[in-house]
């Protein structure tokens, strides 16, 4: 079994398959301002769709800070995505993970797109 810290880091780093075993059957993933997914399969499907979209994209995390204590973990990340066509997108995110009995029960994600010219500068 992985720790909450390891699961959070894997999920936020797009290594979703490493996090799947920790998903509770009734896990809820809220993307603030975008909606909520409920249930393990819904979350897995969304993750797999994300991976498919990123298949031709180069991803570099310029920031990935993980904090964990007990049954809660949080990840502050900045990802730089370069598409096959050269288009660049920079996204800052904060994901909060809550665990019960070793299983991931709640994910709350906050994301904002940044100016690619500013890079990791989030001001």
PDB file of N, CA and C in Angstrom:
ATOM      1  N   UNK A   1       0.854  -1.185   0.000  1.00  0.00           N
ATOM      2  CA  UNK A   1       0.000   0.000   0.000  1.00  0.00           C
ATOM      3  C   UNK A   1       0.896   1.243   0.000  1.00  0.00           C
ATOM      4  N   UNK A   2       0.526   2.206  -0.795  1.00  0.00           N
ATOM      5  CA  UNK A   2       1.282   3.451  -0.839  1.00  0.00           C
ATOM      6  C   UNK A   2       0.761   4.413   0.226  1.00  0.00           C
ATOM      7  N   UNK A   3       1.583   5.368   0.561  1.00  0.00           N
ATOM      8  CA  UNK A   3       1.194   6.372   1.548  1.00  0.00           C
ATOM      9  C   UNK A   3       0.346   7.451   0.875  1.00  0.00           C
ATOM     10  N   UNK A   4      -0.405   8.225   1.663  1.00  0.00           N
ATOM     11  CA  UNK A   4      -1.137   9.347   1.075  1.00  0.00           C
ATOM     12  C   UNK A   4      -0.219  10.288   0.292  1.00  0.00           C
ATOM     13  N   UNK A   5       0.961  10.538   0.799  1.00  0.00           N
ATOM     14  CA  UNK A   5       1.916  11.406   0.110  1.00  0.00           C
ATOM     15  C   UNK A   5       2.268  10.844  -1.270  1.00  0.00           C
ATOM     16  N   UNK A   6       2.580   9.566  -1.338  1.00  0.00           N
ATOM     17  CA  UNK A   6       2.953   8.932  -2.610  1.00  0.00           C
ATOM     18  C   UNK A   6       1.794   8.946  -3.599  1.00  0.00           C
ATOM     19  N   UNK A   7       0.594   8.667  -3.102  1.00  0.00           N
ATOM     20  CA  UNK A   7      -0.587   8.677  -3.969  1.00  0.00           C
ATOM     21  C   UNK A   7      -0.840  10.072  -4.513  1.00  0.00           C
ATOM     22  N   UNK A   8      -0.760  11.076  -3.646  1.00  0.00           N
ATOM     23  CA  UNK A   8      -0.996  12.459  -4.068  1.00  0.00           C
ATOM     24  C   UNK A   8       0.030  12.893  -5.110  1.00  0.00           C
ATOM     25  N   UNK A   9       1.288  12.598  -4.871  1.00  0.00           N
ATOM     26  CA  UNK A   9       2.340  12.982  -5.812  1.00  0.00           C
ATOM     27  C   UNK A   9       2.151  12.289  -7.159  1.00  0.00           C
ATOM     28  N   UNK A  10       1.773  11.023  -7.136  1.00  0.00           N
ATOM     29  CA  UNK A  10       1.540  10.293  -8.386  1.00  0.00           C
ATOM     30  C   UNK A  10       0.372  10.896  -9.156  1.00  0.00           C
ATOM     31  N   UNK A  11      -0.729  11.150  -8.479  1.00  0.00           N
ATOM     32  CA  UNK A  11      -1.926  11.669  -9.145  1.00  0.00           C
ATOM     33  C   UNK A  11      -1.654  13.049  -9.737  1.00  0.00           C
ATOM     34  N   UNK A  12      -1.088  13.945  -8.949  1.00  0.00           N
ATOM     35  CA  UNK A  12      -0.830  15.303  -9.433  1.00  0.00           C
ATOM     36  C   UNK A  12       0.236  15.327 -10.520  1.00  0.00           C
ATOM     37  N   UNK A  13       1.111  14.334 -10.528  1.00  0.00           N
ATOM     38  CA  UNK A  13       2.155  14.245 -11.540  1.00  0.00           C
ATOM     39  C   UNK A  13       1.745  13.472 -12.777  1.00  0.00           C
ATOM     40  N   UNK A  14       0.456  13.208 -12.930  1.00  0.00           N
ATOM     41  CA  UNK A  14      -0.113  12.488 -14.078  1.00  0.00           C
ATOM     42  C   UNK A  14       0.346  11.029 -14.159  1.00  0.00           C
ATOM     43  N   UNK A  15       0.821  10.471 -13.048  1.00  0.00           N
ATOM     44  CA  UNK A  15       1.134   9.043 -12.994  1.00  0.00           C
ATOM     45  C   UNK A  15      -0.082   8.351 -12.362  1.00  0.00           C
ATOM     46  N   UNK A  16      -1.206   8.515 -13.045  1.00  0.00           N
ATOM     47  CA  UNK A  16      -2.496   8.105 -12.496  1.00  0.00           C
ATOM     48  C   UNK A  16      -2.558   6.624 -12.129  1.00  0.00           C
ATOM     49  N   UNK A  17      -2.005   5.758 -12.976  1.00  0.00           N
ATOM     50  CA  UNK A  17      -2.095   4.316 -12.724  1.00  0.00           C
ATOM     51  C   UNK A  17      -1.489   3.951 -11.372  1.00  0.00           C
ATOM     52  N   UNK A  18      -0.478   4.699 -10.945  1.00  0.00           N
ATOM     53  CA  UNK A  18       0.122   4.440  -9.633  1.00  0.00           C
ATOM     54  C   UNK A  18      -0.837   4.787  -8.497  1.00  0.00           C
ATOM     55  N   UNK A  19      -1.796   5.672  -8.771  1.00  0.00           N
ATOM     56  CA  UNK A  19      -2.750   6.100  -7.743  1.00  0.00           C
ATOM     57  C   UNK A  19      -4.046   5.287  -7.763  1.00  0.00           C
ATOM     58  N   UNK A  20      -4.345   4.627  -8.875  1.00  0.00           N
ATOM     59  CA  UNK A  20      -5.624   3.904  -8.988  1.00  0.00           C
ATOM     60  C   UNK A  20      -5.890   2.934  -7.841  1.00  0.00           C
ATOM     61  N   UNK A  21      -4.913   2.148  -7.380  1.00  0.00           N
ATOM     62  CA  UNK A  21      -5.218   1.203  -6.298  1.00  0.00           C
ATOM     63  C   UNK A  21      -5.713   1.872  -5.013  1.00  0.00           C
ATOM     64  N   UNK A  22      -5.384   3.141  -4.817  1.00  0.00           N
ATOM     65  CA  UNK A  22      -5.789   3.841  -3.592  1.00  0.00           C
ATOM     66  C   UNK A  22      -7.167   4.482  -3.693  1.00  0.00           C
ATOM     67  N   UNK A  23      -7.773   4.500  -4.881  1.00  0.00           N
ATOM     68  CA  UNK A  23      -9.079   5.152  -5.042  1.00  0.00           C
ATOM     69  C   UNK A  23     -10.178   4.371  -4.337  1.00  0.00           C
ATOM     70  N   UNK A  24     -10.930   5.052  -3.497  1.00  0.00           N
ATOM     71  CA  UNK A  24     -12.098   4.439  -2.853  1.00  0.00           C
ATOM     72  C   UNK A  24     -13.183   4.233  -3.908  1.00  0.00           C
ATOM     73  N   UNK A  25     -14.052   3.246  -3.728  1.00  0.00           N
ATOM     74  CA  UNK A  25     -15.127   3.019  -4.703  1.00  0.00           C
ATOM     75  C   UNK A  25     -16.007   4.248  -4.920  1.00  0.00           C
ATOM     76  N   UNK A  26     -16.199   5.054  -3.866  1.00  0.00           N
ATOM     77  CA  UNK A  26     -17.078   6.224  -3.954  1.00  0.00           C
ATOM     78  C   UNK A  26     -16.297   7.542  -3.948  1.00  0.00           C
ATOM     79  N   UNK A  27     -15.051   7.510  -4.430  1.00  0.00           N
ATOM     80  CA  UNK A  27     -14.214   8.706  -4.460  1.00  0.00           C
ATOM     81  C   UNK A  27     -14.929   9.845  -5.184  1.00  0.00           C
ATOM     82  N   UNK A  28     -14.722  11.075  -4.685  1.00  0.00           N
ATOM     83  CA  UNK A  28     -15.295  12.280  -5.318  1.00  0.00           C
ATOM     84  C   UNK A  28     -14.153  13.200  -5.706  1.00  0.00           C
ATOM     85  N   UNK A  29     -14.143  13.611  -6.981  1.00  0.00           N
ATOM     86  CA  UNK A  29     -13.115  14.527  -7.476  1.00  0.00           C
ATOM     87  C   UNK A  29     -13.807  15.797  -7.930  1.00  0.00           C
ATOM     88  N   UNK A  30     -13.592  16.867  -7.185  1.00  0.00           N
ATOM     89  CA  UNK A  30     -14.169  18.165  -7.519  1.00  0.00           C
ATOM     90  C   UNK A  30     -13.111  19.029  -8.183  1.00  0.00           C
ATOM     91  N   UNK A  31     -13.375  19.426  -9.417  1.00  0.00           N
ATOM     92  CA  UNK A  31     -12.555  20.409 -10.120  1.00  0.00           C
ATOM     93  C   UNK A  31     -13.296  21.723  -9.953  1.00  0.00           C
ATOM     94  N   UNK A  32     -12.831  22.542  -9.025  1.00  0.00           N
ATOM     95  CA  UNK A  32     -13.543  23.760  -8.652  1.00  0.00           C
ATOM     96  C   UNK A  32     -13.828  24.609  -9.895  1.00  0.00           C
ATOM     97  N   UNK A  33     -15.113  24.942 -10.052  1.00  0.00           N
ATOM     98  CA  UNK A  33     -15.554  25.725 -11.198  1.00  0.00           C
ATOM     99  C   UNK A  33     -15.853  24.903 -12.433  1.00  0.00           C
ATOM    100  N   UNK A  34     -15.577  23.583 -12.364  1.00  0.00           N
ATOM    101  CA  UNK A  34     -15.777  22.733 -13.534  1.00  0.00           C
ATOM    102  C   UNK A  34     -16.654  21.519 -13.274  1.00  0.00           C
ATOM    103  N   UNK A  35     -16.932  21.215 -12.027  1.00  0.00           N
ATOM    104  CA  UNK A  35     -17.807  20.085 -11.742  1.00  0.00           C
ATOM    105  C   UNK A  35     -17.155  19.032 -10.870  1.00  0.00           C
ATOM    106  N   UNK A  36     -17.938  17.985 -10.591  1.00  0.00           N
ATOM    107  CA  UNK A  36     -17.513  16.908  -9.704  1.00  0.00           C
ATOM    108  C   UNK A  36     -17.756  15.560 -10.359  1.00  0.00           C
ATOM    109  N   UNK A  37     -16.776  14.681 -10.227  1.00  0.00           N
ATOM    110  CA  UNK A  37     -16.916  13.290 -10.655  1.00  0.00           C
ATOM    111  C   UNK A  37     -17.090  12.443  -9.405  1.00  0.00           C
ATOM    112  N   UNK A  38     -17.973  11.464  -9.474  1.00  0.00           N
ATOM    113  CA  UNK A  38     -18.200  10.583  -8.334  1.00  0.00           C
ATOM    114  C   UNK A  38     -18.040   9.139  -8.773  1.00  0.00           C
ATOM    115  N   UNK A  39     -17.264   8.379  -8.003  1.00  0.00           N
ATOM    116  CA  UNK A  39     -17.068   6.964  -8.274  1.00  0.00           C
ATOM    117  C   UNK A  39     -15.713   6.686  -8.904  1.00  0.00           C
ATOM    118  N   UNK A  40     -15.145   5.565  -8.500  1.00  0.00           N
ATOM    119  CA  UNK A  40     -13.815   5.174  -8.959  1.00  0.00           C
ATOM    120  C   UNK A  40     -13.728   5.147 -10.479  1.00  0.00           C
ATOM    121  N   UNK A  41     -14.683   4.513 -11.143  1.00  0.00           N
ATOM    122  CA  UNK A  41     -14.589   4.374 -12.597  1.00  0.00           C
ATOM    123  C   UNK A  41     -14.669   5.722 -13.303  1.00  0.00           C
ATOM    124  N   UNK A  42     -15.487   6.629 -12.799  1.00  0.00           N
ATOM    125  CA  UNK A  42     -15.572   7.970 -13.398  1.00  0.00           C
ATOM    126  C   UNK A  42     -14.237   8.699 -13.303  1.00  0.00           C
ATOM    127  N   UNK A  43     -13.571   8.560 -12.167  1.00  0.00           N
ATOM    128  CA  UNK A  43     -12.270   9.206 -11.986  1.00  0.00           C
ATOM    129  C   UNK A  43     -11.225   8.551 -12.889  1.00  0.00           C
ATOM    130  N   UNK A  44     -11.214   7.227 -12.938  1.00  0.00           N
ATOM    131  CA  UNK A  44     -10.268   6.515 -13.812  1.00  0.00           C
ATOM    132  C   UNK A  44     -10.496   6.914 -15.267  1.00  0.00           C
ATOM    133  N   UNK A  45     -11.752   6.971 -15.694  1.00  0.00           N
ATOM    134  CA  UNK A  45     -12.061   7.354 -17.080  1.00  0.00           C
ATOM    135  C   UNK A  45     -11.551   8.758 -17.394  1.00  0.00           C
ATOM    136  N   UNK A  46     -11.729   9.686 -16.464  1.00  0.00           N
ATOM    137  CA  UNK A  46     -11.252  11.058 -16.673  1.00  0.00           C
ATOM    138  C   UNK A  46      -9.727  11.092 -16.750  1.00  0.00           C
ATOM    139  N   UNK A  47      -9.077  10.321 -15.907  1.00  0.00           N
ATOM    140  CA  UNK A  47      -7.612  10.262 -15.932  1.00  0.00           C
ATOM    141  C   UNK A  47      -7.116   9.680 -17.248  1.00  0.00           C
ATOM    142  N   UNK A  48      -7.746   8.611 -17.703  1.00  0.00           N
ATOM    143  CA  UNK A  48      -7.336   7.990 -18.964  1.00  0.00           C
ATOM    144  C   UNK A  48      -7.577   8.928 -20.141  1.00  0.00           C
ATOM    145  N   UNK A  49      -8.657   9.701 -20.098  1.00  0.00           N
ATOM    146  CA  UNK A  49      -8.925  10.688 -21.151  1.00  0.00           C
ATOM    147  C   UNK A  49      -7.848  11.772 -21.141  1.00  0.00           C
ATOM    148  N   UNK A  50      -7.430  12.182 -19.952  1.00  0.00           N
ATOM    149  CA  UNK A  50      -6.359  13.175 -19.840  1.00  0.00           C
ATOM    150  C   UNK A  50      -5.069  12.632 -20.433  1.00  0.00           C
ATOM    151  N   UNK A  51      -4.736  11.391 -20.106  1.00  0.00           N
ATOM    152  CA  UNK A  51      -3.519  10.788 -20.652  1.00  0.00           C
ATOM    153  C   UNK A  51      -3.581  10.684 -22.170  1.00  0.00           C
ATOM    154  N   UNK A  52      -4.756  10.366 -22.708  1.00  0.00           N
ATOM    155  CA  UNK A  52      -4.910  10.291 -24.165  1.00  0.00           C
ATOM    156  C   UNK A  52      -4.691  11.665 -24.798  1.00  0.00           C
ATOM    157  N   UNK A  53      -5.230  12.705 -24.161  1.00  0.00           N
ATOM    158  CA  UNK A  53      -5.054  14.071 -24.666  1.00  0.00           C
ATOM    159  C   UNK A  53      -3.592  14.501 -24.607  1.00  0.00           C
ATOM    160  N   UNK A  54      -2.863  14.005 -23.620  1.00  0.00           N
ATOM    161  CA  UNK A  54      -1.464  14.389 -23.441  1.00  0.00           C
ATOM    162  C   UNK A  54      -0.483  13.483 -24.186  1.00  0.00           C
ATOM    163  N   UNK A  55      -1.000  12.504 -24.923  1.00  0.00           N
ATOM    164  CA  UNK A  55      -0.140  11.512 -25.576  1.00  0.00           C
ATOM    165  C   UNK A  55       0.893  12.136 -26.506  1.00  0.00           C
ATOM    166  N   UNK A  56       0.548  13.217 -27.160  1.00  0.00           N
ATOM    167  CA  UNK A  56       1.483  13.867 -28.085  1.00  0.00           C
ATOM    168  C   UNK A  56       2.024  15.173 -27.499  1.00  0.00           C
ATOM    169  N   UNK A  57       1.939  15.292 -26.197  1.00  0.00           N
ATOM    170  CA  UNK A  57       2.360  16.505 -25.494  1.00  0.00           C
ATOM    171  C   UNK A  57       3.562  16.202 -24.609  1.00  0.00           C
ATOM    172  N   UNK A  58       4.500  17.126 -24.579  1.00  0.00           N
ATOM    173  CA  UNK A  58       5.620  17.026 -23.649  1.00  0.00           C
ATOM    174  C   UNK A  58       5.233  17.783 -22.385  1.00  0.00           C
ATOM    175  N   UNK A  59       5.366  17.114 -21.248  1.00  0.00           N
ATOM    176  CA  UNK A  59       4.989  17.721 -19.972  1.00  0.00           C
ATOM    177  C   UNK A  59       6.211  17.851 -19.078  1.00  0.00           C
ATOM    178  N   UNK A  60       6.377  19.032 -18.512  1.00  0.00           N
ATOM    179  CA  UNK A  60       7.454  19.266 -17.556  1.00  0.00           C
ATOM    180  C   UNK A  60       6.859  19.983 -16.348  1.00  0.00           C
ATOM    181  N   UNK A  61       7.079  19.419 -15.172  1.00  0.00           N
ATOM    182  CA  UNK A  61       6.633  20.088 -13.959  1.00  0.00           C
ATOM    183  C   UNK A  61       7.779  20.956 -13.455  1.00  0.00           C
ATOM    184  N   UNK A  62       7.556  22.264 -13.464  1.00  0.00           N
ATOM    185  CA  UNK A  62       8.572  23.193 -12.984  1.00  0.00           C
ATOM    186  C   UNK A  62       8.446  23.405 -11.479  1.00  0.00           C
ATOM    187  N   UNK A  63       7.333  22.940 -10.930  1.00  0.00           N
ATOM    188  CA  UNK A  63       7.109  22.991  -9.482  1.00  0.00           C
ATOM    189  C   UNK A  63       6.222  21.811  -9.112  1.00  0.00           C
ATOM    190  N   UNK A  64       6.620  21.073  -8.084  1.00  0.00           N
ATOM    191  CA  UNK A  64       5.796  19.986  -7.564  1.00  0.00           C
ATOM    192  C   UNK A  64       6.130  19.854  -6.079  1.00  0.00           C
ATOM    193  N   UNK A  65       5.350  20.549  -5.255  1.00  0.00           N
ATOM    194  CA  UNK A  65       5.578  20.566  -3.813  1.00  0.00           C
ATOM    195  C   UNK A  65       4.470  19.756  -3.151  1.00  0.00           C
ATOM    196  N   UNK A  66       4.865  18.763  -2.377  1.00  0.00           N
ATOM    197  CA  UNK A  66       3.909  17.873  -1.721  1.00  0.00           C
ATOM    198  C   UNK A  66       4.010  18.047  -0.211  1.00  0.00           C
ATOM    199  N   UNK A  67       2.855  18.213   0.427  1.00  0.00           N
ATOM    200  CA  UNK A  67       2.782  18.293   1.881  1.00  0.00           C
ATOM    201  C   UNK A  67       1.759  17.256   2.321  1.00  0.00           C
ATOM    202  N   UNK A  68       2.118  16.464   3.319  1.00  0.00           N
ATOM    203  CA  UNK A  68       1.186  15.436   3.791  1.00  0.00           C
ATOM    204  C   UNK A  68       1.288  15.296   5.302  1.00  0.00           C
ATOM    205  N   UNK A  69       0.143  15.037   5.912  1.00  0.00           N
ATOM    206  CA  UNK A  69       0.086  14.806   7.349  1.00  0.00           C
ATOM    207  C   UNK A  69      -1.115  13.922   7.622  1.00  0.00           C
ATOM    208  N   UNK A  70      -0.872  12.742   8.137  1.00  0.00           N
ATOM    209  CA  UNK A  70      -1.971  11.830   8.432  1.00  0.00           C
ATOM    210  C   UNK A  70      -2.746  11.456   7.192  1.00  0.00           C
ATOM    211  N   UNK A  71      -4.049  11.729   7.215  1.00  0.00           N
ATOM    212  CA  UNK A  71      -4.942  11.333   6.127  1.00  0.00           C
ATOM    213  C   UNK A  71      -5.211  12.444   5.121  1.00  0.00           C
ATOM    214  N   UNK A  72      -4.340  13.447   5.084  1.00  0.00           N
ATOM    215  CA  UNK A  72      -4.520  14.566   4.156  1.00  0.00           C
ATOM    216  C   UNK A  72      -3.189  14.868   3.475  1.00  0.00           C
ATOM    217  N   UNK A  73      -3.265  15.175   2.188  1.00  0.00           N
ATOM    218  CA  UNK A  73      -2.077  15.597   1.441  1.00  0.00           C
ATOM    219  C   UNK A  73      -2.485  16.708   0.488  1.00  0.00           C
ATOM    220  N   UNK A  74      -1.524  17.557   0.150  1.00  0.00           N
ATOM    221  CA  UNK A  74      -1.772  18.626  -0.810  1.00  0.00           C
ATOM    222  C   UNK A  74      -0.567  18.743  -1.735  1.00  0.00           C
ATOM    223  N   UNK A  75      -0.840  19.075  -2.990  1.00  0.00           N
ATOM    224  CA  UNK A  75       0.225  19.244  -3.978  1.00  0.00           C
ATOM    225  C   UNK A  75       0.041  20.583  -4.675  1.00  0.00           C
ATOM    226  N   UNK A  76       1.100  21.371  -4.666  1.00  0.00           N
ATOM    227  CA  UNK A  76       1.156  22.650  -5.377  1.00  0.00           C
ATOM    228  C   UNK A  76       2.035  22.405  -6.597  1.00  0.00           C
ATOM    229  N   UNK A  77       1.480  22.560  -7.789  1.00  0.00           N
ATOM    230  CA  UNK A  77       2.225  22.215  -9.000  1.00  0.00           C
ATOM    231  C   UNK A  77       2.100  23.284 -10.073  1.00  0.00           C
ATOM    232  N   UNK A  78       3.145  23.378 -10.879  1.00  0.00           N
ATOM    233  CA  UNK A  78       3.106  24.164 -12.102  1.00  0.00           C
ATOM    234  C   UNK A  78       3.612  23.247 -13.203  1.00  0.00           C
ATOM    235  N   UNK A  79       2.769  23.037 -14.202  1.00  0.00           N
ATOM    236  CA  UNK A  79       3.136  22.183 -15.319  1.00  0.00           C
ATOM    237  C   UNK A  79       3.232  22.983 -16.606  1.00  0.00           C
ATOM    238  N   UNK A  80       4.234  22.662 -17.404  1.00  0.00           N
ATOM    239  CA  UNK A  80       4.415  23.291 -18.717  1.00  0.00           C
ATOM    240  C   UNK A  80       4.168  22.214 -19.761  1.00  0.00           C
ATOM    241  N   UNK A  81       3.210  22.464 -20.632  1.00  0.00           N
ATOM    242  CA  UNK A  81       2.786  21.499 -21.638  1.00  0.00           C
ATOM    243  C   UNK A  81       3.100  22.053 -23.025  1.00  0.00           C
ATOM    244  N   UNK A  82       3.804  21.260 -23.834  1.00  0.00           N
ATOM    245  CA  UNK A  82       4.121  21.667 -25.197  1.00  0.00           C
ATOM    246  C   UNK A  82       3.507  20.636 -26.135  1.00  0.00           C
ATOM    247  N   UNK A  83       2.554  21.096 -26.957  1.00  0.00           N
ATOM    248  CA  UNK A  83       1.869  20.215 -27.887  1.00  0.00           C
ATOM    249  C   UNK A  83       2.726  19.896 -29.098  1.00  0.00           C
ATOM    250  N   UNK A  84       2.294  18.910 -29.868  1.00  0.00           N
ATOM    251  CA  UNK A  84       3.011  18.508 -31.076  1.00  0.00           C
ATOM    252  C   UNK A  84       3.131  19.661 -32.062  1.00  0.00           C
ATOM    253  N   UNK A  85       2.195  20.593 -32.007  1.00  0.00           N
ATOM    254  CA  UNK A  85       2.214  21.754 -32.906  1.00  0.00           C
ATOM    255  C   UNK A  85       3.052  22.906 -32.351  1.00  0.00           C
ATOM    256  N   UNK A  86       3.670  22.703 -31.181  1.00  0.00           N
ATOM    257  CA  UNK A  86       4.506  23.727 -30.574  1.00  0.00           C
ATOM    258  C   UNK A  86       3.772  24.660 -29.631  1.00  0.00           C
ATOM    259  N   UNK A  87       2.451  24.522 -29.548  1.00  0.00           N
ATOM    260  CA  UNK A  87       1.669  25.370 -28.647  1.00  0.00           C
ATOM    261  C   UNK A  87       2.061  25.078 -27.196  1.00  0.00           C
ATOM    262  N   UNK A  88       2.236  26.146 -26.423  1.00  0.00           N
ATOM    263  CA  UNK A  88       2.661  26.013 -25.031  1.00  0.00           C
ATOM    264  C   UNK A  88       1.536  26.451 -24.101  1.00  0.00           C
ATOM    265  N   UNK A  89       1.322  25.664 -23.060  1.00  0.00           N
ATOM    266  CA  UNK A  89       0.351  25.984 -22.022  1.00  0.00           C
ATOM    267  C   UNK A  89       1.040  25.776 -20.680  1.00  0.00           C
ATOM    268  N   UNK A  90       0.827  26.708 -19.767  1.00  0.00           N
ATOM    269  CA  UNK A  90       1.378  26.584 -18.419  1.00  0.00           C
ATOM    270  C   UNK A  90       0.205  26.636 -17.442  1.00  0.00           C
ATOM    271  N   UNK A  91       0.130  25.634 -16.574  1.00  0.00           N
ATOM    272  CA  UNK A  91      -0.994  25.522 -15.648  1.00  0.00           C
ATOM    273  C   UNK A  91      -0.474  25.418 -14.217  1.00  0.00           C
ATOM    274  N   UNK A  92      -1.034  26.241 -13.351  1.00  0.00           N
ATOM    275  CA  UNK A  92      -0.754  26.163 -11.924  1.00  0.00           C
ATOM    276  C   UNK A  92      -1.931  25.451 -11.271  1.00  0.00           C
ATOM    277  N   UNK A  93      -1.618  24.504 -10.394  1.00  0.00           N
ATOM    278  CA  UNK A  93      -2.706  23.772  -9.747  1.00  0.00           C
ATOM    279  C   UNK A  93      -2.384  23.501  -8.288  1.00  0.00           C
ATOM    280  N   UNK A  94      -3.443  23.324  -7.532  1.00  0.00           N
ATOM    281  CA  UNK A  94      -3.343  22.868  -6.155  1.00  0.00           C
ATOM    282  C   UNK A  94      -4.379  21.766  -5.994  1.00  0.00           C
ATOM    283  N   UNK A  95      -3.918  20.605  -5.579  1.00  0.00           N
ATOM    284  CA  UNK A  95      -4.807  19.467  -5.362  1.00  0.00           C
ATOM    285  C   UNK A  95      -4.764  19.095  -3.886  1.00  0.00           C
ATOM    286  N   UNK A  96      -5.940  18.941  -3.295  1.00  0.00           N
ATOM    287  CA  UNK A  96      -6.052  18.539  -1.895  1.00  0.00           C
ATOM    288  C   UNK A  96      -6.665  17.145  -1.868  1.00  0.00           C
ATOM    289  N   UNK A  97      -5.998  16.233  -1.170  1.00  0.00           N
ATOM    290  CA  UNK A  97      -6.402  14.827  -1.120  1.00  0.00           C
ATOM    291  C   UNK A  97      -6.779  14.449   0.306  1.00  0.00           C
ATOM    292  N   UNK A  98      -7.921  13.747   0.443  1.00  0.00           N
ATOM    293  CA  UNK A  98      -8.366  13.278   1.753  1.00  0.00           C
ATOM    294  C   UNK A  98      -8.531  11.761   1.698  1.00  0.00           C
ATOM    295  N   UNK A  99      -8.023  11.088   2.719  1.00  0.00           N
ATOM    296  CA  UNK A  99      -8.020   9.631   2.782  1.00  0.00           C
ATOM    297  C   UNK A  99      -8.791   9.152   4.002  1.00  0.00           C
ATOM    298  N   UNK A 100      -9.419   7.999   3.865  1.00  0.00           N
ATOM    299  CA  UNK A 100     -10.088   7.331   4.976  1.00  0.00           C
ATOM    300  C   UNK A 100      -9.709   5.857   4.913  1.00  0.00           C
ATOM    301  N   UNK A 101      -9.150   5.338   5.994  1.00  0.00           N
ATOM    302  CA  UNK A 101      -8.768   3.936   6.023  1.00  0.00           C
ATOM    303  C   UNK A 101      -7.779   3.567   4.932  1.00  0.00           C
ATOM    304  N   UNK A 102      -6.913   4.505   4.566  1.00  0.00           N
ATOM    305  CA  UNK A 102      -5.909   4.246   3.537  1.00  0.00           C
ATOM    306  C   UNK A 102      -6.382   4.443   2.114  1.00  0.00           C
ATOM    307  N   UNK A 103      -7.683   4.713   1.934  1.00  0.00           N
ATOM    308  CA  UNK A 103      -8.223   4.921   0.589  1.00  0.00           C
ATOM    309  C   UNK A 103      -8.490   6.395   0.332  1.00  0.00           C
ATOM    310  N   UNK A 104      -8.246   6.805  -0.896  1.00  0.00           N
ATOM    311  CA  UNK A 104      -8.477   8.184  -1.313  1.00  0.00           C
ATOM    312  C   UNK A 104      -9.969   8.391  -1.533  1.00  0.00           C
ATOM    313  N   UNK A 105     -10.573   9.263  -0.720  1.00  0.00           N
ATOM    314  CA  UNK A 105     -12.021   9.468  -0.769  1.00  0.00           C
ATOM    315  C   UNK A 105     -12.430  10.791  -1.406  1.00  0.00           C
ATOM    316  N   UNK A 106     -11.555  11.802  -1.318  1.00  0.00           N
ATOM    317  CA  UNK A 106     -11.907  13.122  -1.838  1.00  0.00           C
ATOM    318  C   UNK A 106     -10.687  13.784  -2.464  1.00  0.00           C
ATOM    319  N   UNK A 107     -10.884  14.328  -3.663  1.00  0.00           N
ATOM    320  CA  UNK A 107      -9.862  15.136  -4.334  1.00  0.00           C
ATOM    321  C   UNK A 107     -10.523  16.469  -4.663  1.00  0.00           C
ATOM    322  N   UNK A 108      -9.870  17.553  -4.305  1.00  0.00           N
ATOM    323  CA  UNK A 108     -10.346  18.883  -4.676  1.00  0.00           C
ATOM    324  C   UNK A 108      -9.225  19.565  -5.440  1.00  0.00           C
ATOM    325  N   UNK A 109      -9.504  19.946  -6.689  1.00  0.00           N
ATOM    326  CA  UNK A 109      -8.484  20.538  -7.558  1.00  0.00           C
ATOM    327  C   UNK A 109      -8.838  21.969  -7.921  1.00  0.00           C
ATOM    328  N   UNK A 110      -7.843  22.823  -7.803  1.00  0.00           N
ATOM    329  CA  UNK A 110      -7.949  24.223  -8.210  1.00  0.00           C
ATOM    330  C   UNK A 110      -6.908  24.437  -9.309  1.00  0.00           C
ATOM    331  N   UNK A 111      -7.315  24.930 -10.472  1.00  0.00           N
ATOM    332  CA  UNK A 111      -6.363  25.139 -11.558  1.00  0.00           C
ATOM    333  C   UNK A 111      -6.573  26.500 -12.198  1.00  0.00           C
ATOM    334  N   UNK A 112      -5.470  27.052 -12.691  1.00  0.00           N
ATOM    335  CA  UNK A 112      -5.524  28.310 -13.425  1.00  0.00           C
ATOM    336  C   UNK A 112      -4.437  28.268 -14.497  1.00  0.00           C
ATOM    337  N   UNK A 113      -4.795  28.721 -15.683  1.00  0.00           N
ATOM    338  CA  UNK A 113      -3.819  28.790 -16.764  1.00  0.00           C
ATOM    339  C   UNK A 113      -3.008  30.073 -16.616  1.00  0.00           C
ATOM    340  N   UNK A 114      -1.700  29.940 -16.782  1.00  0.00           N
ATOM    341  CA  UNK A 114      -0.789  31.073 -16.657  1.00  0.00           C
ATOM    342  C   UNK A 114      -0.309  31.526 -18.030  1.00  0.00           C
ATOM    343  N   UNK A 115       0.234  32.711 -18.080  1.00  0.00           N
ATOM    344  CA  UNK A 115       0.851  33.223 -19.296  1.00  0.00           C
ATOM    345  C   UNK A 115       2.135  32.428 -19.536  1.00  0.00           C
ATOM    346  N   UNK A 116       2.245  31.707 -20.658  1.00  0.00           N
ATOM    347  CA  UNK A 116       3.448  30.906 -20.911  1.00  0.00           C
ATOM    348  C   UNK A 116       4.732  31.729 -20.896  1.00  0.00           C
ATOM    349  N   UNK A 117       4.657  32.999 -21.263  1.00  0.00           N
ATOM    350  CA  UNK A 117       5.846  33.852 -21.270  1.00  0.00           C
ATOM    351  C   UNK A 117       6.351  34.115 -19.858  1.00  0.00           C
ATOM    352  N   UNK A 118       5.454  34.038 -18.884  1.00  0.00           N
ATOM    353  CA  UNK A 118       5.830  34.281 -17.491  1.00  0.00           C
ATOM    354  C   UNK A 118       6.400  33.031 -16.836  1.00  0.00           C
ATOM    355  N   UNK A 119       6.202  31.867 -17.464  1.00  0.00           N
ATOM    356  CA  UNK A 119       6.726  30.618 -16.920  1.00  0.00           C
ATOM    357  C   UNK A 119       6.105  30.268 -15.595  1.00  0.00           C
ATOM    358  N   UNK A 120       6.953  30.010 -14.608  1.00  0.00           N
ATOM    359  CA  UNK A 120       6.470  29.584 -13.293  1.00  0.00           C
ATOM    360  C   UNK A 120       6.128  30.758 -12.388  1.00  0.00           C
ATOM    361  N   UNK A 121       6.233  31.973 -12.901  1.00  0.00           N
ATOM    362  CA  UNK A 121       5.888  33.150 -12.101  1.00  0.00           C
ATOM    363  C   UNK A 121       4.372  33.221 -11.973  1.00  0.00           C
ATOM    364  N   UNK A 122       3.863  32.984 -10.763  1.00  0.00           N
ATOM    365  CA  UNK A 122       2.413  32.892 -10.574  1.00  0.00           C
ATOM    366  C   UNK A 122       1.802  34.179 -10.061  1.00  0.00           C
ATOM    367  N   UNK A 123       2.470  35.290 -10.228  1.00  0.00           N
ATOM    368  CA  UNK A 123       1.914  36.546  -9.727  1.00  0.00           C
ATOM    369  C   UNK A 123       1.165  37.286 -10.795  1.00  0.00           C
TER     370      UNK A 123
END
